Amino acid sequence: MGRKKIQITRIMDERNRQVTFTKRKFGLMKKAYELSVLCDCEIALIIFNSTNKLFQYASTDMDKVLLKYTEYNEPHERSLCFRET
């Protein structure tokens, strides 16, 4: 039996929103780790929550990955933005 599809909208209940944030943040960091190991790639993940608390994951040194990113001049693929305007 599959999971029920949920509508992607802001969670109004503060407690439910915080619980969902914590679970999804953990899942996202786990996926970033798995991708870095399976594909031997460098990953830098930066998350700010609604109170501006910083959470980060880096498969190697975060500063080195960010420096590499800022110095990168070649054409590259950009992620799509899924947020509706």
PDB file of N, CA and C in Angstrom:
ATOM      1  N   MET A   1       0.847  -1.190   0.000  1.00  0.00           N
ATOM      2  CA  MET A   1       0.000   0.000   0.000  1.00  0.00           C
ATOM      3  C   MET A   1       0.885   1.244   0.000  1.00  0.00           C
ATOM      4  N   GLY A   2       0.632   2.149  -0.925  1.00  0.00           N
ATOM      5  CA  GLY A   2       1.438   3.355  -1.049  1.00  0.00           C
ATOM      6  C   GLY A   2       1.027   4.438  -0.071  1.00  0.00           C
ATOM      7  N   ARG A   3       1.828   5.476  -0.051  1.00  0.00           N
ATOM      8  CA  ARG A   3       1.504   6.612   0.811  1.00  0.00           C
ATOM      9  C   ARG A   3       0.511   7.529   0.118  1.00  0.00           C
ATOM     10  N   LYS A   4      -0.265   8.217   0.946  1.00  0.00           N
ATOM     11  CA  LYS A   4      -1.240   9.162   0.419  1.00  0.00           C
ATOM     12  C   LYS A   4      -0.513  10.432  -0.033  1.00  0.00           C
ATOM     13  N   LYS A   5      -0.885  10.942  -1.193  1.00  0.00           N
ATOM     14  CA  LYS A   5      -0.298  12.172  -1.705  1.00  0.00           C
ATOM     15  C   LYS A   5      -0.816  13.344  -0.873  1.00  0.00           C
ATOM     16  N   ILE A   6       0.099  14.212  -0.439  1.00  0.00           N
ATOM     17  CA  ILE A   6      -0.316  15.367   0.354  1.00  0.00           C
ATOM     18  C   ILE A   6      -0.227  16.630  -0.492  1.00  0.00           C
ATOM     19  N   GLN A   7      -1.051  17.583  -0.158  1.00  0.00           N
ATOM     20  CA  GLN A   7      -1.014  18.872  -0.837  1.00  0.00           C
ATOM     21  C   GLN A   7       0.105  19.699  -0.205  1.00  0.00           C
ATOM     22  N   ILE A   8       0.930  20.300  -1.022  1.00  0.00           N
ATOM     23  CA  ILE A   8       2.051  21.088  -0.522  1.00  0.00           C
ATOM     24  C   ILE A   8       1.575  22.520  -0.273  1.00  0.00           C
ATOM     25  N   THR A   9       1.206  22.770   0.959  1.00  0.00           N
ATOM     26  CA  THR A   9       0.822  24.106   1.413  1.00  0.00           C
ATOM     27  C   THR A   9       1.417  24.302   2.800  1.00  0.00           C
ATOM     28  N   ARG A  10       1.485  25.541   3.239  1.00  0.00           N
ATOM     29  CA  ARG A  10       2.039  25.845   4.560  1.00  0.00           C
ATOM     30  C   ARG A  10       1.201  25.167   5.638  1.00  0.00           C
ATOM     31  N   ILE A  11       1.884  24.546   6.593  1.00  0.00           N
ATOM     32  CA  ILE A  11       1.201  23.904   7.717  1.00  0.00           C
ATOM     33  C   ILE A  11       0.857  24.992   8.722  1.00  0.00           C
ATOM     34  N   MET A  12      -0.409  25.139   9.016  1.00  0.00           N
ATOM     35  CA  MET A  12      -0.860  26.237   9.866  1.00  0.00           C
ATOM     36  C   MET A  12      -0.557  26.010  11.348  1.00  0.00           C
ATOM     37  N   ASP A  13      -0.679  24.772  11.813  1.00  0.00           N
ATOM     38  CA  ASP A  13      -0.425  24.472  13.224  1.00  0.00           C
ATOM     39  C   ASP A  13       1.085  24.513  13.498  1.00  0.00           C
ATOM     40  N   GLU A  14       1.499  25.382  14.412  1.00  0.00           N
ATOM     41  CA  GLU A  14       2.921  25.599  14.700  1.00  0.00           C
ATOM     42  C   GLU A  14       3.632  24.316  15.123  1.00  0.00           C
ATOM     43  N   ARG A  15       3.016  23.548  15.996  1.00  0.00           N
ATOM     44  CA  ARG A  15       3.646  22.308  16.480  1.00  0.00           C
ATOM     45  C   ARG A  15       3.802  21.293  15.346  1.00  0.00           C
ATOM     46  N   ASN A  16       2.759  21.100  14.562  1.00  0.00           N
ATOM     47  CA  ASN A  16       2.846  20.178  13.425  1.00  0.00           C
ATOM     48  C   ASN A  16       3.894  20.639  12.412  1.00  0.00           C
ATOM     49  N   ARG A  17       3.976  21.959  12.199  1.00  0.00           N
ATOM     50  CA  ARG A  17       4.958  22.505  11.266  1.00  0.00           C
ATOM     51  C   ARG A  17       6.380  22.217  11.754  1.00  0.00           C
ATOM     52  N   GLN A  18       6.612  22.378  13.070  1.00  0.00           N
ATOM     53  CA  GLN A  18       7.940  22.126  13.635  1.00  0.00           C
ATOM     54  C   GLN A  18       8.308  20.647  13.559  1.00  0.00           C
ATOM     55  N   VAL A  19       7.351  19.775  13.852  1.00  0.00           N
ATOM     56  CA  VAL A  19       7.589  18.329  13.769  1.00  0.00           C
ATOM     57  C   VAL A  19       7.908  17.933  12.328  1.00  0.00           C
ATOM     58  N   THR A  20       7.136  18.453  11.385  1.00  0.00           N
ATOM     59  CA  THR A  20       7.366  18.158   9.972  1.00  0.00           C
ATOM     60  C   THR A  20       8.729  18.678   9.529  1.00  0.00           C
ATOM     61  N   PHE A  21       9.088  19.883   9.960  1.00  0.00           N
ATOM     62  CA  PHE A  21      10.394  20.448   9.616  1.00  0.00           C
ATOM     63  C   PHE A  21      11.516  19.543  10.106  1.00  0.00           C
ATOM     64  N   THR A  22      11.431  19.112  11.354  1.00  0.00           N
ATOM     65  CA  THR A  22      12.472  18.269  11.939  1.00  0.00           C
ATOM     66  C   THR A  22      12.615  16.953  11.186  1.00  0.00           C
ATOM     67  N   LYS A  23      11.495  16.309  10.891  1.00  0.00           N
ATOM     68  CA  LYS A  23      11.529  15.027  10.178  1.00  0.00           C
ATOM     69  C   LYS A  23      12.062  15.190   8.761  1.00  0.00           C
ATOM     70  N   ARG A  24      11.586  16.205   8.057  1.00  0.00           N
ATOM     71  CA  ARG A  24      12.007  16.395   6.667  1.00  0.00           C
ATOM     72  C   ARG A  24      13.453  16.875   6.573  1.00  0.00           C
ATOM     73  N   LYS A  25      13.881  17.668   7.543  1.00  0.00           N
ATOM     74  CA  LYS A  25      15.286  18.101   7.583  1.00  0.00           C
ATOM     75  C   LYS A  25      16.189  16.881   7.736  1.00  0.00           C
ATOM     76  N   PHE A  26      15.840  15.990   8.642  1.00  0.00           N
ATOM     77  CA  PHE A  26      16.611  14.764   8.835  1.00  0.00           C
ATOM     78  C   PHE A  26      16.642  13.939   7.547  1.00  0.00           C
ATOM     79  N   GLY A  27      15.488  13.788   6.903  1.00  0.00           N
ATOM     80  CA  GLY A  27      15.411  13.025   5.663  1.00  0.00           C
ATOM     81  C   GLY A  27      16.241  13.640   4.552  1.00  0.00           C
ATOM     82  N   LEU A  28      16.215  14.966   4.455  1.00  0.00           N
ATOM     83  CA  LEU A  28      16.991  15.665   3.431  1.00  0.00           C
ATOM     84  C   LEU A  28      18.491  15.488   3.668  1.00  0.00           C
ATOM     85  N   MET A  29      18.914  15.580   4.923  1.00  0.00           N
ATOM     86  CA  MET A  29      20.329  15.401   5.249  1.00  0.00           C
ATOM     87  C   MET A  29      20.771  13.960   5.001  1.00  0.00           C
ATOM     88  N   LYS A  30      19.891  13.017   5.288  1.00  0.00           N
ATOM     89  CA  LYS A  30      20.201  11.610   5.023  1.00  0.00           C
ATOM     90  C   LYS A  30      20.380  11.386   3.522  1.00  0.00           C
ATOM     91  N   LYS A  31      19.478  11.957   2.722  1.00  0.00           N
ATOM     92  CA  LYS A  31      19.579  11.831   1.263  1.00  0.00           C
ATOM     93  C   LYS A  31      20.867  12.483   0.745  1.00  0.00           C
ATOM     94  N   ALA A  32      21.241  13.626   1.303  1.00  0.00           N
ATOM     95  CA  ALA A  32      22.474  14.298   0.894  1.00  0.00           C
ATOM     96  C   ALA A  32      23.686  13.418   1.204  1.00  0.00           C
ATOM     97  N   TYR A  33      23.699  12.807   2.388  1.00  0.00           N
ATOM     98  CA  TYR A  33      24.790  11.900   2.758  1.00  0.00           C
ATOM     99  C   TYR A  33      24.849  10.714   1.799  1.00  0.00           C
ATOM    100  N   GLU A  34      23.697  10.097   1.551  1.00  0.00           N
ATOM    101  CA  GLU A  34      23.648   8.927   0.671  1.00  0.00           C
ATOM    102  C   GLU A  34      24.141   9.269  -0.735  1.00  0.00           C
ATOM    103  N   LEU A  35      23.722  10.412  -1.262  1.00  0.00           N
ATOM    104  CA  LEU A  35      24.158  10.844  -2.589  1.00  0.00           C
ATOM    105  C   LEU A  35      25.673  11.041  -2.625  1.00  0.00           C
ATOM    106  N   SER A  36      26.225  11.644  -1.568  1.00  0.00           N
ATOM    107  CA  SER A  36      27.671  11.883  -1.535  1.00  0.00           C
ATOM    108  C   SER A  36      28.456  10.577  -1.502  1.00  0.00           C
ATOM    109  N   VAL A  37      27.954   9.578  -0.781  1.00  0.00           N
ATOM    110  CA  VAL A  37      28.646   8.288  -0.691  1.00  0.00           C
ATOM    111  C   VAL A  37      28.467   7.482  -1.972  1.00  0.00           C
ATOM    112  N   LEU A  38      27.228   7.343  -2.426  1.00  0.00           N
ATOM    113  CA  LEU A  38      26.944   6.515  -3.597  1.00  0.00           C
ATOM    114  C   LEU A  38      27.593   7.046  -4.870  1.00  0.00           C
ATOM    115  N   CYS A  39      27.616   8.353  -5.025  1.00  0.00           N
ATOM    116  CA  CYS A  39      28.082   8.955  -6.278  1.00  0.00           C
ATOM    117  C   CYS A  39      29.434   9.645  -6.143  1.00  0.00           C
ATOM    118  N   ASP A  40      30.058   9.537  -4.971  1.00  0.00           N
ATOM    119  CA  ASP A  40      31.371  10.132  -4.727  1.00  0.00           C
ATOM    120  C   ASP A  40      31.388  11.599  -5.157  1.00  0.00           C
ATOM    121  N   CYS A  41      30.451  12.371  -4.605  1.00  0.00           N
ATOM    122  CA  CYS A  41      30.367  13.791  -4.951  1.00  0.00           C
ATOM    123  C   CYS A  41      30.375  14.636  -3.683  1.00  0.00           C
ATOM    124  N   GLU A  42      30.696  15.905  -3.855  1.00  0.00           N
ATOM    125  CA  GLU A  42      30.696  16.834  -2.733  1.00  0.00           C
ATOM    126  C   GLU A  42      29.315  17.466  -2.613  1.00  0.00           C
ATOM    127  N   ILE A  43      28.808  17.518  -1.396  1.00  0.00           N
ATOM    128  CA  ILE A  43      27.479  18.069  -1.130  1.00  0.00           C
ATOM    129  C   ILE A  43      27.601  19.133  -0.043  1.00  0.00           C
ATOM    130  N   ALA A  44      26.923  20.249  -0.236  1.00  0.00           N
ATOM    131  CA  ALA A  44      26.778  21.270   0.800  1.00  0.00           C
ATOM    132  C   ALA A  44      25.297  21.614   0.873  1.00  0.00           C
ATOM    133  N   LEU A  45      24.731  21.479   2.049  1.00  0.00           N
ATOM    134  CA  LEU A  45      23.310  21.732   2.262  1.00  0.00           C
ATOM    135  C   LEU A  45      23.182  22.758   3.377  1.00  0.00           C
ATOM    136  N   ILE A  46      22.477  23.848   3.098  1.00  0.00           N
ATOM    137  CA  ILE A  46      22.285  24.925   4.075  1.00  0.00           C
ATOM    138  C   ILE A  46      20.797  25.145   4.253  1.00  0.00           C
ATOM    139  N   ILE A  47      20.340  25.136   5.508  1.00  0.00           N
ATOM    140  CA  ILE A  47      18.922  25.324   5.813  1.00  0.00           C
ATOM    141  C   ILE A  47      18.798  26.366   6.921  1.00  0.00           C
ATOM    142  N   PHE A  48      17.925  27.332   6.720  1.00  0.00           N
ATOM    143  CA  PHE A  48      17.547  28.261   7.781  1.00  0.00           C
ATOM    144  C   PHE A  48      16.083  28.001   8.099  1.00  0.00           C
ATOM    145  N   ASN A  49      15.764  27.805   9.377  1.00  0.00           N
ATOM    146  CA  ASN A  49      14.361  27.591   9.732  1.00  0.00           C
ATOM    147  C   ASN A  49      13.644  28.935   9.856  1.00  0.00           C
ATOM    148  N   SER A  50      12.396  28.898  10.279  1.00  0.00           N
ATOM    149  CA  SER A  50      11.579  30.119  10.331  1.00  0.00           C
ATOM    150  C   SER A  50      12.068  31.123  11.376  1.00  0.00           C
ATOM    151  N   THR A  51      12.902  30.674  12.319  1.00  0.00           N
ATOM    152  CA  THR A  51      13.469  31.590  13.314  1.00  0.00           C
ATOM    153  C   THR A  51      14.931  31.912  13.007  1.00  0.00           C
ATOM    154  N   ASN A  52      15.341  31.655  11.772  1.00  0.00           N
ATOM    155  CA  ASN A  52      16.697  31.916  11.281  1.00  0.00           C
ATOM    156  C   ASN A  52      17.783  31.092  11.963  1.00  0.00           C
ATOM    157  N   LYS A  53      17.421  29.935  12.502  1.00  0.00           N
ATOM    158  CA  LYS A  53      18.425  29.019  13.034  1.00  0.00           C
ATOM    159  C   LYS A  53      19.036  28.265  11.859  1.00  0.00           C
ATOM    160  N   LEU A  54      20.362  28.169  11.863  1.00  0.00           N
ATOM    161  CA  LEU A  54      21.099  27.551  10.765  1.00  0.00           C
ATOM    162  C   LEU A  54      21.316  26.063  11.023  1.00  0.00           C
ATOM    163  N   PHE A  55      21.068  25.264   9.982  1.00  0.00           N
ATOM    164  CA  PHE A  55      21.385  23.841   9.981  1.00  0.00           C
ATOM    165  C   PHE A  55      22.186  23.599   8.715  1.00  0.00           C
ATOM    166  N   GLN A  56      23.241  22.806   8.818  1.00  0.00           N
ATOM    167  CA  GLN A  56      24.048  22.559   7.627  1.00  0.00           C
ATOM    168  C   GLN A  56      24.580  21.139   7.615  1.00  0.00           C
ATOM    169  N   TYR A  57      24.826  20.665   6.399  1.00  0.00           N
ATOM    170  CA  TYR A  57      25.487  19.380   6.187  1.00  0.00           C
ATOM    171  C   TYR A  57      26.480  19.583   5.056  1.00  0.00           C
ATOM    172  N   ALA A  58      27.656  19.031   5.218  1.00  0.00           N
ATOM    173  CA  ALA A  58      28.640  19.036   4.137  1.00  0.00           C
ATOM    174  C   ALA A  58      29.349  17.692   4.139  1.00  0.00           C
ATOM    175  N   SER A  59      29.510  17.125   2.956  1.00  0.00           N
ATOM    176  CA  SER A  59      30.179  15.834   2.841  1.00  0.00           C
ATOM    177  C   SER A  59      31.681  15.974   3.060  1.00  0.00           C
ATOM    178  N   THR A  60      32.198  17.166   2.842  1.00  0.00           N
ATOM    179  CA  THR A  60      33.595  17.496   3.129  1.00  0.00           C
ATOM    180  C   THR A  60      33.562  18.817   3.889  1.00  0.00           C
ATOM    181  N   ASP A  61      34.625  19.568   3.860  1.00  0.00           N
ATOM    182  CA  ASP A  61      34.669  20.844   4.565  1.00  0.00           C
ATOM    183  C   ASP A  61      33.734  21.861   3.901  1.00  0.00           C
ATOM    184  N   MET A  62      32.788  22.390   4.671  1.00  0.00           N
ATOM    185  CA  MET A  62      31.787  23.326   4.140  1.00  0.00           C
ATOM    186  C   MET A  62      32.453  24.545   3.503  1.00  0.00           C
ATOM    187  N   ASP A  63      33.448  25.114   4.162  1.00  0.00           N
ATOM    188  CA  ASP A  63      34.110  26.306   3.627  1.00  0.00           C
ATOM    189  C   ASP A  63      34.757  26.031   2.273  1.00  0.00           C
ATOM    190  N   LYS A  64      35.358  24.863   2.127  1.00  0.00           N
ATOM    191  CA  LYS A  64      35.994  24.516   0.851  1.00  0.00           C
ATOM    192  C   LYS A  64      34.959  24.345  -0.259  1.00  0.00           C
ATOM    193  N   VAL A  65      33.829  23.725   0.071  1.00  0.00           N
ATOM    194  CA  VAL A  65      32.775  23.534  -0.932  1.00  0.00           C
ATOM    195  C   VAL A  65      32.194  24.883  -1.345  1.00  0.00           C
ATOM    196  N   LEU A  66      31.944  25.768  -0.385  1.00  0.00           N
ATOM    197  CA  LEU A  66      31.393  27.088  -0.707  1.00  0.00           C
ATOM    198  C   LEU A  66      32.385  27.930  -1.506  1.00  0.00           C
ATOM    199  N   LEU A  67      33.664  27.833  -1.174  1.00  0.00           N
ATOM    200  CA  LEU A  67      34.682  28.554  -1.937  1.00  0.00           C
ATOM    201  C   LEU A  67      34.727  28.038  -3.374  1.00  0.00           C
ATOM    202  N   LYS A  68      34.674  26.731  -3.520  1.00  0.00           N
ATOM    203  CA  LYS A  68      34.657  26.118  -4.852  1.00  0.00           C
ATOM    204  C   LYS A  68      33.447  26.624  -5.649  1.00  0.00           C
ATOM    205  N   TYR A  69      32.291  26.730  -4.978  1.00  0.00           N
ATOM    206  CA  TYR A  69      31.064  27.213  -5.623  1.00  0.00           C
ATOM    207  C   TYR A  69      31.213  28.672  -6.070  1.00  0.00           C
ATOM    208  N   THR A  70      31.724  29.522  -5.192  1.00  0.00           N
ATOM    209  CA  THR A  70      31.831  30.946  -5.533  1.00  0.00           C
ATOM    210  C   THR A  70      32.860  31.207  -6.625  1.00  0.00           C
ATOM    211  N   GLU A  71      33.855  30.335  -6.741  1.00  0.00           N
ATOM    212  CA  GLU A  71      34.889  30.518  -7.758  1.00  0.00           C
ATOM    213  C   GLU A  71      34.569  29.812  -9.073  1.00  0.00           C
ATOM    214  N   TYR A  72      33.473  29.079  -9.132  1.00  0.00           N
ATOM    215  CA  TYR A  72      33.128  28.303 -10.320  1.00  0.00           C
ATOM    216  C   TYR A  72      32.586  29.225 -11.402  1.00  0.00           C
ATOM    217  N   ASN A  73      33.227  29.207 -12.567  1.00  0.00           N
ATOM    218  CA  ASN A  73      32.848  30.124 -13.647  1.00  0.00           C
ATOM    219  C   ASN A  73      32.263  29.443 -14.871  1.00  0.00           C
ATOM    220  N   GLU A  74      32.267  28.133 -14.902  1.00  0.00           N
ATOM    221  CA  GLU A  74      31.763  27.393 -16.058  1.00  0.00           C
ATOM    222  C   GLU A  74      30.232  27.406 -16.079  1.00  0.00           C
ATOM    223  N   PRO A  75      29.629  27.249 -17.256  1.00  0.00           N
ATOM    224  CA  PRO A  75      28.165  27.096 -17.305  1.00  0.00           C
ATOM    225  C   PRO A  75      27.765  25.855 -16.500  1.00  0.00           C
ATOM    226  N   HIS A  76      26.658  25.947 -15.800  1.00  0.00           N
ATOM    227  CA  HIS A  76      26.225  24.812 -14.985  1.00  0.00           C
ATOM    228  C   HIS A  76      24.712  24.754 -14.881  1.00  0.00           C
ATOM    229  N   GLU A  77      24.246  23.589 -14.479  1.00  0.00           N
ATOM    230  CA  GLU A  77      22.809  23.344 -14.352  1.00  0.00           C
ATOM    231  C   GLU A  77      22.280  24.015 -13.091  1.00  0.00           C
ATOM    232  N   ARG A  78      21.183  24.709 -13.218  1.00  0.00           N
ATOM    233  CA  ARG A  78      20.528  25.332 -12.061  1.00  0.00           C
ATOM    234  C   ARG A  78      19.292  24.528 -11.710  1.00  0.00           C
ATOM    235  N   SER A  79      19.014  24.437 -10.412  1.00  0.00           N
ATOM    236  CA  SER A  79      17.823  23.713  -9.971  1.00  0.00           C
ATOM    237  C   SER A  79      16.575  24.500 -10.309  1.00  0.00           C
ATOM    238  N   LEU A  80      15.508  23.788 -10.548  1.00  0.00           N
ATOM    239  CA  LEU A  80      14.223  24.428 -10.784  1.00  0.00           C
ATOM    240  C   LEU A  80      13.648  24.908  -9.466  1.00  0.00           C
ATOM    241  N   CYS A  81      12.920  25.984  -9.509  1.00  0.00           N
ATOM    242  CA  CYS A  81      12.238  26.479  -8.324  1.00  0.00           C
ATOM    243  C   CYS A  81      10.814  25.939  -8.346  1.00  0.00           C
ATOM    244  N   PHE A  82      10.442  25.227  -7.311  1.00  0.00           N
ATOM    245  CA  PHE A  82       9.117  24.624  -7.266  1.00  0.00           C
ATOM    246  C   PHE A  82       8.098  25.502  -6.551  1.00  0.00           C
ATOM    247  N   ARG A  83       8.541  26.593  -5.965  1.00  0.00           N
ATOM    248  CA  ARG A  83       7.633  27.476  -5.234  1.00  0.00           C
ATOM    249  C   ARG A  83       6.736  28.206  -6.216  1.00  0.00           C
ATOM    250  N   GLU A  84       5.443  28.127  -5.967  1.00  0.00           N
ATOM    251  CA  GLU A  84       4.486  28.822  -6.835  1.00  0.00           C
ATOM    252  C   GLU A  84       4.419  30.283  -6.441  1.00  0.00           C
ATOM    253  N   THR A  85       4.350  31.156  -7.440  1.00  0.00           N
ATOM    254  CA  THR A  85       4.279  32.591  -7.145  1.00  0.00           C
ATOM    255  C   THR A  85       2.902  33.120  -7.410  1.00  0.00           C
TER     256      THR A  85
END
